Amino acid sequence: CGVGAGWHGWMPRPERYRAWALWNVVGP
């Protein structure tokens, strides 16, 4: 259940933007 590729581009807006920020801004 709930298995996906993890890429933010597959996610609906605005979740894709939050995921992008997690990986590229907050996470680092």
PDB file of all heavy atoms in Angstrom:
ATOM      1  N   CYS A   1       0.834  -1.197   0.000  1.00  0.00           N
ATOM      2  CA  CYS A   1       0.000   0.000   0.000  1.00  0.00           C
ATOM      3  C   CYS A   1       0.872   1.252   0.000  1.00  0.00           C
ATOM      4  O   CYS A   1       1.914   1.300   0.659  1.00  0.00           O
ATOM      5  CB  CYS A   1      -0.885   0.027   1.240  1.00  0.00           C
ATOM      6  SG  CYS A   1      -2.011  -1.362   1.407  1.00  0.00           S
ATOM      7  N   GLY A   2       0.432   2.266  -0.726  1.00  0.00           N
ATOM      8  CA  GLY A   2       1.098   3.562  -0.675  1.00  0.00           C
ATOM      9  C   GLY A   2       2.503   3.550  -1.240  1.00  0.00           C
ATOM     10  O   GLY A   2       3.358   4.286  -0.750  1.00  0.00           O
ATOM     11  N   VAL A   3       2.743   2.764  -2.275  1.00  0.00           N
ATOM     12  CA  VAL A   3       4.076   2.677  -2.874  1.00  0.00           C
ATOM     13  C   VAL A   3       4.116   3.529  -4.133  1.00  0.00           C
ATOM     14  O   VAL A   3       3.306   3.335  -5.043  1.00  0.00           O
ATOM     15  CB  VAL A   3       4.445   1.222  -3.226  1.00  0.00           C
ATOM     16  CG1 VAL A   3       5.839   1.157  -3.833  1.00  0.00           C
ATOM     17  CG2 VAL A   3       4.352   0.339  -1.988  1.00  0.00           C
ATOM     18  N   GLY A   4       5.041   4.460  -4.181  1.00  0.00           N
ATOM     19  CA  GLY A   4       5.187   5.307  -5.350  1.00  0.00           C
ATOM     20  C   GLY A   4       6.649   5.588  -5.640  1.00  0.00           C
ATOM     21  O   GLY A   4       7.538   5.099  -4.940  1.00  0.00           O
ATOM     22  N   ALA A   5       6.875   6.372  -6.686  1.00  0.00           N
ATOM     23  CA  ALA A   5       8.234   6.671  -7.113  1.00  0.00           C
ATOM     24  C   ALA A   5       8.888   7.784  -6.297  1.00  0.00           C
ATOM     25  O   ALA A   5      10.098   7.988  -6.386  1.00  0.00           O
ATOM     26  CB  ALA A   5       8.251   7.053  -8.592  1.00  0.00           C
ATOM     27  N   GLY A   6       8.101   8.530  -5.514  1.00  0.00           N
ATOM     28  CA  GLY A   6       8.671   9.542  -4.632  1.00  0.00           C
ATOM     29  C   GLY A   6       8.956  10.881  -5.266  1.00  0.00           C
ATOM     30  O   GLY A   6       9.231  11.853  -4.554  1.00  0.00           O
ATOM     31  N   TRP A   7       8.898  10.975  -6.588  1.00  0.00           N
ATOM     32  CA  TRP A   7       9.208  12.226  -7.289  1.00  0.00           C
ATOM     33  C   TRP A   7       8.099  13.250  -7.055  1.00  0.00           C
ATOM     34  O   TRP A   7       6.911  12.931  -7.171  1.00  0.00           O
ATOM     35  CB  TRP A   7       9.355  11.940  -8.781  1.00  0.00           C
ATOM     36  CG  TRP A   7       9.709  13.117  -9.628  1.00  0.00           C
ATOM     37  CD1 TRP A   7      10.729  14.004  -9.430  1.00  0.00           C
ATOM     38  CD2 TRP A   7       9.050  13.537 -10.831  1.00  0.00           C
ATOM     39  NE1 TRP A   7      10.759  14.953 -10.432  1.00  0.00           N
ATOM     40  CE2 TRP A   7       9.730  14.682 -11.314  1.00  0.00           C
ATOM     41  CE3 TRP A   7       7.961  13.038 -11.551  1.00  0.00           C
ATOM     42  CZ2 TRP A   7       9.346  15.344 -12.475  1.00  0.00           C
ATOM     43  CZ3 TRP A   7       7.579  13.693 -12.709  1.00  0.00           C
ATOM     44  CH2 TRP A   7       8.268  14.831 -13.167  1.00  0.00           C
ATOM     45  N   HIS A   8       8.512  14.487  -6.732  1.00  0.00           N
ATOM     46  CA  HIS A   8       7.518  15.508  -6.414  1.00  0.00           C
ATOM     47  C   HIS A   8       6.613  15.828  -7.607  1.00  0.00           C
ATOM     48  O   HIS A   8       5.477  16.261  -7.443  1.00  0.00           O
ATOM     49  CB  HIS A   8       8.204  16.790  -5.927  1.00  0.00           C
ATOM     50  CG  HIS A   8       8.998  17.499  -6.979  1.00  0.00           C
ATOM     51  ND1 HIS A   8      10.296  17.146  -7.290  1.00  0.00           N
ATOM     52  CD2 HIS A   8       8.676  18.531  -7.809  1.00  0.00           C
ATOM     53  CE1 HIS A   8      10.743  17.933  -8.256  1.00  0.00           C
ATOM     54  NE2 HIS A   8       9.785  18.776  -8.590  1.00  0.00           N
ATOM     55  N   GLY A   9       7.121  15.593  -8.823  1.00  0.00           N
ATOM     56  CA  GLY A   9       6.331  15.893 -10.009  1.00  0.00           C
ATOM     57  C   GLY A   9       5.095  15.038 -10.178  1.00  0.00           C
ATOM     58  O   GLY A   9       4.160  15.421 -10.895  1.00  0.00           O
ATOM     59  N   TRP A  10       5.056  13.887  -9.525  1.00  0.00           N
ATOM     60  CA  TRP A  10       3.859  13.053  -9.575  1.00  0.00           C
ATOM     61  C   TRP A  10       2.807  13.511  -8.578  1.00  0.00           C
ATOM     62  O   TRP A  10       1.658  13.068  -8.642  1.00  0.00           O
ATOM     63  CB  TRP A  10       4.205  11.592  -9.276  1.00  0.00           C
ATOM     64  CG  TRP A  10       5.163  10.935 -10.224  1.00  0.00           C
ATOM     65  CD1 TRP A  10       6.336  10.325  -9.904  1.00  0.00           C
ATOM     66  CD2 TRP A  10       5.022  10.797 -11.644  1.00  0.00           C
ATOM     67  NE1 TRP A  10       6.951   9.818 -11.027  1.00  0.00           N
ATOM     68  CE2 TRP A  10       6.167  10.093 -12.112  1.00  0.00           C
ATOM     69  CE3 TRP A  10       4.047  11.201 -12.561  1.00  0.00           C
ATOM     70  CZ2 TRP A  10       6.350   9.793 -13.457  1.00  0.00           C
ATOM     71  CZ3 TRP A  10       4.224  10.898 -13.903  1.00  0.00           C
ATOM     72  CH2 TRP A  10       5.363  10.198 -14.340  1.00  0.00           C
ATOM     73  N   MET A  11       3.197  14.368  -7.649  1.00  0.00           N
ATOM     74  CA  MET A  11       2.290  14.778  -6.579  1.00  0.00           C
ATOM     75  C   MET A  11       1.402  15.919  -7.035  1.00  0.00           C
ATOM     76  O   MET A  11       1.796  16.743  -7.869  1.00  0.00           O
ATOM     77  CB  MET A  11       3.093  15.217  -5.352  1.00  0.00           C
ATOM     78  CG  MET A  11       4.007  14.141  -4.792  1.00  0.00           C
ATOM     79  SD  MET A  11       5.015  14.764  -3.411  1.00  0.00           S
ATOM     80  CE  MET A  11       6.125  13.374  -3.165  1.00  0.00           C
ATOM     81  N   PRO A  12       0.189  16.015  -6.498  1.00  0.00           N
ATOM     82  CA  PRO A  12      -0.676  17.145  -6.834  1.00  0.00           C
ATOM     83  C   PRO A  12      -0.185  18.427  -6.160  1.00  0.00           C
ATOM     84  O   PRO A  12       0.505  18.388  -5.137  1.00  0.00           O
ATOM     85  CB  PRO A  12      -2.038  16.721  -6.284  1.00  0.00           C
ATOM     86  CG  PRO A  12      -1.707  15.798  -5.147  1.00  0.00           C
ATOM     87  CD  PRO A  12      -0.463  15.068  -5.566  1.00  0.00           C
ATOM     88  N   ARG A  13      -0.531  19.547  -6.760  1.00  0.00           N
ATOM     89  CA  ARG A  13      -0.251  20.822  -6.097  1.00  0.00           C
ATOM     90  C   ARG A  13      -1.196  20.962  -4.898  1.00  0.00           C
ATOM     91  O   ARG A  13      -2.340  20.534  -4.958  1.00  0.00           O
ATOM     92  CB  ARG A  13      -0.494  21.989  -7.068  1.00  0.00           C
ATOM     93  CG  ARG A  13       0.368  21.946  -8.326  1.00  0.00           C
ATOM     94  CD  ARG A  13       0.088  23.172  -9.180  1.00  0.00           C
ATOM     95  NE  ARG A  13       0.864  23.159 -10.408  1.00  0.00           N
ATOM     96  CZ  ARG A  13       0.461  22.607 -11.558  1.00  0.00           C
ATOM     97  NH1 ARG A  13      -0.726  22.023 -11.621  1.00  0.00           N
ATOM     98  NH2 ARG A  13       1.217  22.629 -12.626  1.00  0.00           N
ATOM     99  N   PRO A  14      -0.782  21.585  -3.790  1.00  0.00           N
ATOM    100  CA  PRO A  14       0.533  22.192  -3.531  1.00  0.00           C
ATOM    101  C   PRO A  14       1.539  21.236  -2.886  1.00  0.00           C
ATOM    102  O   PRO A  14       2.635  21.661  -2.528  1.00  0.00           O
ATOM    103  CB  PRO A  14       0.187  23.325  -2.571  1.00  0.00           C
ATOM    104  CG  PRO A  14      -0.960  22.776  -1.772  1.00  0.00           C
ATOM    105  CD  PRO A  14      -1.756  21.927  -2.724  1.00  0.00           C
ATOM    106  N   GLU A  15       1.186  19.949  -2.744  1.00  0.00           N
ATOM    107  CA  GLU A  15       2.082  19.011  -2.069  1.00  0.00           C
ATOM    108  C   GLU A  15       3.414  18.904  -2.792  1.00  0.00           C
ATOM    109  O   GLU A  15       4.460  18.748  -2.164  1.00  0.00           O
ATOM    110  CB  GLU A  15       1.446  17.628  -1.960  1.00  0.00           C
ATOM    111  CG  GLU A  15       2.226  16.651  -1.093  1.00  0.00           C
ATOM    112  CD  GLU A  15       2.256  17.046   0.379  1.00  0.00           C
ATOM    113  OE1 GLU A  15       1.378  17.829   0.813  1.00  0.00           O
ATOM    114  OE2 GLU A  15       3.151  16.557   1.100  1.00  0.00           O
ATOM    115  N   ARG A  16       3.404  19.010  -4.126  1.00  0.00           N
ATOM    116  CA  ARG A  16       4.670  18.906  -4.861  1.00  0.00           C
ATOM    117  C   ARG A  16       5.631  20.017  -4.481  1.00  0.00           C
ATOM    118  O   ARG A  16       6.844  19.814  -4.440  1.00  0.00           O
ATOM    119  CB  ARG A  16       4.422  18.911  -6.368  1.00  0.00           C
ATOM    120  CG  ARG A  16       3.936  20.230  -6.955  1.00  0.00           C
ATOM    121  CD  ARG A  16       3.822  20.175  -8.461  1.00  0.00           C
ATOM    122  NE  ARG A  16       2.906  19.128  -8.899  1.00  0.00           N
ATOM    123  CZ  ARG A  16       2.588  18.926 -10.180  1.00  0.00           C
ATOM    124  NH1 ARG A  16       3.121  19.691 -11.128  1.00  0.00           N
ATOM    125  NH2 ARG A  16       1.739  17.974 -10.508  1.00  0.00           N
ATOM    126  N   TYR A  17       5.088  21.190  -4.168  1.00  0.00           N
ATOM    127  CA  TYR A  17       5.955  22.311  -3.785  1.00  0.00           C
ATOM    128  C   TYR A  17       6.499  22.108  -2.369  1.00  0.00           C
ATOM    129  O   TYR A  17       7.661  22.449  -2.092  1.00  0.00           O
ATOM    130  CB  TYR A  17       5.179  23.628  -3.879  1.00  0.00           C
ATOM    131  CG  TYR A  17       4.584  23.862  -5.241  1.00  0.00           C
ATOM    132  CD1 TYR A  17       3.230  24.112  -5.395  1.00  0.00           C
ATOM    133  CD2 TYR A  17       5.377  23.803  -6.391  1.00  0.00           C
ATOM    134  CE1 TYR A  17       2.674  24.320  -6.643  1.00  0.00           C
ATOM    135  CE2 TYR A  17       4.826  24.009  -7.654  1.00  0.00           C
ATOM    136  CZ  TYR A  17       3.465  24.262  -7.768  1.00  0.00           C
ATOM    137  OH  TYR A  17       2.921  24.447  -9.009  1.00  0.00           O
ATOM    138  N   ARG A  18       5.670  21.562  -1.483  1.00  0.00           N
ATOM    139  CA  ARG A  18       6.152  21.286  -0.132  1.00  0.00           C
ATOM    140  C   ARG A  18       7.230  20.203  -0.161  1.00  0.00           C
ATOM    141  O   ARG A  18       8.236  20.294   0.559  1.00  0.00           O
ATOM    142  CB  ARG A  18       4.976  20.849   0.759  1.00  0.00           C
ATOM    143  CG  ARG A  18       4.037  21.970   1.134  1.00  0.00           C
ATOM    144  CD  ARG A  18       3.142  21.576   2.289  1.00  0.00           C
ATOM    145  NE  ARG A  18       2.149  20.595   1.869  1.00  0.00           N
ATOM    146  CZ  ARG A  18       0.906  20.902   1.505  1.00  0.00           C
ATOM    147  NH1 ARG A  18       0.513  22.168   1.509  1.00  0.00           N
ATOM    148  NH2 ARG A  18       0.052  19.955   1.148  1.00  0.00           N
ATOM    149  N   ALA A  19       7.020  19.176  -0.976  1.00  0.00           N
ATOM    150  CA  ALA A  19       8.022  18.111  -1.075  1.00  0.00           C
ATOM    151  C   ALA A  19       9.324  18.643  -1.663  1.00  0.00           C
ATOM    152  O   ALA A  19      10.417  18.306  -1.192  1.00  0.00           O
ATOM    153  CB  ALA A  19       7.485  16.961  -1.925  1.00  0.00           C
ATOM    154  N   TRP A  20       9.219  19.474  -2.693  1.00  0.00           N
ATOM    155  CA  TRP A  20      10.420  20.059  -3.302  1.00  0.00           C
ATOM    156  C   TRP A  20      11.190  20.876  -2.267  1.00  0.00           C
ATOM    157  O   TRP A  20      12.421  20.794  -2.177  1.00  0.00           O
ATOM    158  CB  TRP A  20      10.042  20.932  -4.489  1.00  0.00           C
ATOM    159  CG  TRP A  20      11.230  21.473  -5.236  1.00  0.00           C
ATOM    160  CD1 TRP A  20      11.845  20.921  -6.317  1.00  0.00           C
ATOM    161  CD2 TRP A  20      11.952  22.683  -4.930  1.00  0.00           C
ATOM    162  NE1 TRP A  20      12.915  21.699  -6.712  1.00  0.00           N
ATOM    163  CE2 TRP A  20      13.001  22.780  -5.877  1.00  0.00           C
ATOM    164  CE3 TRP A  20      11.827  23.675  -3.969  1.00  0.00           C
ATOM    165  CZ2 TRP A  20      13.903  23.838  -5.879  1.00  0.00           C
ATOM    166  CZ3 TRP A  20      12.727  24.727  -3.962  1.00  0.00           C
ATOM    167  CH2 TRP A  20      13.747  24.804  -4.906  1.00  0.00           C
ATOM    168  N   ALA A  21      10.456  21.659  -1.470  1.00  0.00           N
ATOM    169  CA  ALA A  21      11.108  22.478  -0.447  1.00  0.00           C
ATOM    170  C   ALA A  21      11.758  21.614   0.627  1.00  0.00           C
ATOM    171  O   ALA A  21      12.845  21.940   1.126  1.00  0.00           O
ATOM    172  CB  ALA A  21      10.095  23.438   0.180  1.00  0.00           C
ATOM    173  N   LEU A  22      11.130  20.513   0.977  1.00  0.00           N
ATOM    174  CA  LEU A  22      11.708  19.621   1.977  1.00  0.00           C
ATOM    175  C   LEU A  22      13.053  19.082   1.509  1.00  0.00           C
ATOM    176  O   LEU A  22      14.025  19.072   2.275  1.00  0.00           O
ATOM    177  CB  LEU A  22      10.754  18.460   2.263  1.00  0.00           C
ATOM    178  CG  LEU A  22      11.268  17.375   3.217  1.00  0.00           C
ATOM    179  CD1 LEU A  22      11.473  17.942   4.612  1.00  0.00           C
ATOM    180  CD2 LEU A  22      10.292  16.190   3.267  1.00  0.00           C
ATOM    181  N   TRP A  23      13.114  18.657   0.256  1.00  0.00           N
ATOM    182  CA  TRP A  23      14.352  18.070  -0.258  1.00  0.00           C
ATOM    183  C   TRP A  23      15.424  19.111  -0.545  1.00  0.00           C
ATOM    184  O   TRP A  23      16.607  18.856  -0.332  1.00  0.00           O
ATOM    185  CB  TRP A  23      14.067  17.291  -1.539  1.00  0.00           C
ATOM    186  CG  TRP A  23      13.229  16.060  -1.370  1.00  0.00           C
ATOM    187  CD1 TRP A  23      12.054  15.771  -2.013  1.00  0.00           C
ATOM    188  CD2 TRP A  23      13.477  14.953  -0.506  1.00  0.00           C
ATOM    189  NE1 TRP A  23      11.560  14.559  -1.589  1.00  0.00           N
ATOM    190  CE2 TRP A  23      12.421  14.032  -0.678  1.00  0.00           C
ATOM    191  CE3 TRP A  23      14.499  14.648   0.392  1.00  0.00           C
ATOM    192  CZ2 TRP A  23      12.347  12.833   0.023  1.00  0.00           C
ATOM    193  CZ3 TRP A  23      14.430  13.451   1.088  1.00  0.00           C
ATOM    194  CH2 TRP A  23      13.366  12.562   0.901  1.00  0.00           C
ATOM    195  N   ASN A  24      15.023  20.274  -1.028  1.00  0.00           N
ATOM    196  CA  ASN A  24      15.995  21.223  -1.565  1.00  0.00           C
ATOM    197  C   ASN A  24      16.286  22.431  -0.685  1.00  0.00           C
ATOM    198  O   ASN A  24      17.301  23.096  -0.884  1.00  0.00           O
ATOM    199  CB  ASN A  24      15.510  21.724  -2.937  1.00  0.00           C
ATOM    200  CG  ASN A  24      15.451  20.612  -3.959  1.00  0.00           C
ATOM    201  OD1 ASN A  24      16.456  20.171  -4.484  1.00  0.00           O
ATOM    202  ND2 ASN A  24      14.239  20.132  -4.235  1.00  0.00           N
ATOM    203  N   VAL A  25      15.427  22.709   0.278  1.00  0.00           N
ATOM    204  CA  VAL A  25      15.627  23.897   1.127  1.00  0.00           C
ATOM    205  C   VAL A  25      15.769  23.475   2.595  1.00  0.00           C
ATOM    206  O   VAL A  25      16.824  23.660   3.214  1.00  0.00           O
ATOM    207  CB  VAL A  25      14.457  24.899   0.973  1.00  0.00           C
ATOM    208  CG1 VAL A  25      14.707  26.114   1.866  1.00  0.00           C
ATOM    209  CG2 VAL A  25      14.300  25.312  -0.482  1.00  0.00           C
ATOM    210  N   VAL A  26      14.725  22.885   3.142  1.00  0.00           N
ATOM    211  CA  VAL A  26      14.713  22.564   4.565  1.00  0.00           C
ATOM    212  C   VAL A  26      15.669  21.424   4.888  1.00  0.00           C
ATOM    213  O   VAL A  26      16.485  21.508   5.813  1.00  0.00           O
ATOM    214  CB  VAL A  26      13.279  22.211   5.029  1.00  0.00           C
ATOM    215  CG1 VAL A  26      13.275  21.848   6.503  1.00  0.00           C
ATOM    216  CG2 VAL A  26      12.338  23.370   4.750  1.00  0.00           C
ATOM    217  N   GLY A  27      15.584  20.338   4.124  1.00  0.00           N
ATOM    218  CA  GLY A  27      16.384  19.155   4.411  1.00  0.00           C
ATOM    219  C   GLY A  27      17.877  19.411   4.472  1.00  0.00           C
ATOM    220  O   GLY A  27      18.548  19.019   5.442  1.00  0.00           O
ATOM    221  N   PRO A  28      18.467  20.052   3.448  1.00  0.00           N
ATOM    222  CA  PRO A  28      19.913  20.298   3.489  1.00  0.00           C
ATOM    223  C   PRO A  28      20.361  21.120   4.694  1.00  0.00           C
ATOM    224  O   PRO A  28      21.449  20.897   5.234  1.00  0.00           O
ATOM    225  CB  PRO A  28      20.160  21.041   2.176  1.00  0.00           C
ATOM    226  CG  PRO A  28      19.079  20.575   1.260  1.00  0.00           C
ATOM    227  CD  PRO A  28      17.881  20.419   2.145  1.00  0.00           C
TER     228      PRO A  28
END
